[in-house]
């Protein structure tokens, strides 16, 4: 029992230090909230499909940033290697400039993921290509304005007889755009955990720091996230 308490105390202490440090040194920061509910259907050992609804709040969790519906599909080539794809239909709240209001966006992505274990550690890597465009609006900035290549690496540690195993991930975003803005534009660090409910799905709780790159005054977004996923397995 003492080991469990010590592990959870260390995890919470690290999280609090990161939050306090980040707020103290960021000149341009915001607090956001991402809340998600999802349904996953596992057809067999190879194929799985999912749908989720997500609401994102910004400006210190006081204003809707966007909400969207996302469809996902994954194919497991082996126990370690997986291919995936996703479609996202977005209502994005534009609160800047002269023309404000909700805009319709469409995003798709394709993924390649790999995972392996080293003792009690699970290491995961994901390479993602994504393309996002506003519906009904021509792109005047060139063919590459809304494209990203993202690389994410994650590590999870399995504590024996403890349901809240910690997970940490780091992700870098590379933006394709003509001109000086082409290149790495932000990174995201995430600390979280999953809790599996008996026959009732999984709850994921996480905290992320997302920071802009190559900006004179880079914006830092602190994200508190909660996700619930119910899984159905084909018998």
Foldseek 3Di string as FASTA:
>chain_A
DVVQVVVVVVQVVVVVVVVVVVVVPAPAEKEKEKEKEKEKEAADPFKIKMKMKIWMAIRNRPHTAKIKIKIKMKGDPDPFKIKMKMKIWMFGFAPDDDDTGTFIKIKMKIKIKGWDDDVQKIKIKMWMKMFMDTPPDDDPFDDQQGIKIKIKIKMWGDDPPDQWTKMKMKMWIAGDTPDDNGGTFKMKIKIWTWGQDDQAFIKIWMWMWMWTPPDPRIYIYIYTYIYTYHYHYDD
